[in-house]
Each structure stands twice: as C-alpha cells, then as structure tokens.
Protein backbone atom coordinates (compact mmCIF):
# COMPACT_ATOMS: atom_id res chain seq x y z
CA UNK A 1 -4.34 22.78 22.25
CA UNK A 2 -3.71 22.29 18.51
CA UNK A 3 -2.65 19.04 16.89
CA UNK A 4 0.80 20.56 16.25
CA UNK A 5 1.16 21.45 19.93
CA UNK A 6 0.14 17.95 21.01
CA UNK A 7 2.86 16.32 18.89
CA UNK A 8 5.52 18.52 20.51
CA UNK A 9 4.43 17.92 24.12
CA UNK A 10 3.83 14.21 24.63
CA UNK A 11 4.65 13.07 28.13
CA UNK A 12 7.99 11.30 28.13
CA UNK A 13 8.55 11.91 24.41
CA UNK A 14 12.16 12.88 23.72
CA UNK A 15 12.60 13.21 19.94
CA UNK A 16 16.31 14.02 20.25
CA UNK A 17 16.82 10.38 21.29
CA UNK A 18 15.84 9.28 17.77
CA UNK A 19 18.66 11.35 16.25
CA UNK A 20 21.13 10.23 18.91
CA UNK A 21 20.30 6.57 18.27
CA UNK A 22 20.51 6.96 14.47
CA UNK A 23 23.83 8.78 14.67
CA UNK A 24 25.23 6.23 17.14
CA UNK A 25 24.73 3.65 14.39
CA UNK A 26 26.39 5.88 11.81
CA UNK A 27 23.25 6.19 9.69
CA UNK A 28 22.08 9.10 7.58
CA UNK A 29 18.36 9.87 7.48
CA UNK A 30 18.17 8.13 4.11
CA UNK A 31 19.95 5.02 5.40
CA UNK A 32 17.75 4.86 8.51
CA UNK A 33 14.64 5.07 6.33
CA UNK A 34 15.87 2.27 4.12
CA UNK A 35 16.59 0.08 7.16
CA UNK A 36 13.10 0.73 8.55
CA UNK A 37 11.46 -0.15 5.21
CA UNK A 38 13.52 -3.34 4.98
CA UNK A 39 12.60 -4.35 8.55
CA UNK A 40 8.90 -3.75 7.87
CA UNK A 41 9.10 -5.83 4.70
CA UNK A 42 10.87 -8.71 6.47
CA UNK A 43 8.24 -8.64 9.20
CA UNK A 44 5.49 -8.77 6.60
CA UNK A 45 3.94 -5.53 7.82
CA UNK A 46 1.31 -4.05 5.55
CA UNK A 47 0.27 -0.43 5.35
CA UNK A 48 3.41 0.91 7.01
CA UNK A 49 3.86 4.61 6.20
CA UNK A 50 6.84 5.50 4.07
CA UNK A 51 9.95 5.95 6.19
CA UNK A 52 11.72 8.63 4.18
CA UNK A 53 14.30 11.21 5.23
CA UNK A 54 11.73 14.00 5.50
CA UNK A 55 9.44 11.94 7.76
CA UNK A 56 12.30 10.80 10.00
CA UNK A 57 13.61 14.37 10.25
CA UNK A 58 10.19 15.62 11.36
CA UNK A 59 10.11 12.94 14.08
CA UNK A 60 13.63 13.86 15.24
CA UNK A 61 12.67 17.54 15.40
CA UNK A 62 9.54 16.82 17.44
CA UNK A 63 7.33 18.07 14.61
CA UNK A 64 5.52 14.73 14.33
CA UNK A 65 5.01 11.82 16.69
CA UNK A 66 5.77 8.35 15.25
CA UNK A 67 2.82 6.02 15.13
C-alpha cells in the first residue's frame, strides 16, 4: 500500500465532512485557512503547518490526511 493510498483509506475518515462543515459556516477555503491560522496563533501553537487553500482542498478531497 502506498502512502497516497493510505491517506485515502483511513478507517472512519470522511473528508467530505470537512467541506460540509466549512460550507455550513459560509467560509471559502481562504477564509477557513485564515481562521485556522488565527486560532493556532491565539492558542500559542508553534510549528503549525500553513493552513492555506491548497492544503485545505487536498484534505477535503481525501488527498491528504490532516495531522
């Protein structure tokens, strides 16, 4: 099983839920990324990967697994 295959077949992982949740809040990919960066900053998290539109889209498509 390749790394790409693993990210698309995690038990219980439903990437479409990310898009549904984002859209339910009326956020674009760019807006969601900005909110995530702001939340990480407020929490004082260090070394958090960049939450940009491309990264969020790949999570929503099941191309990458968050975390």
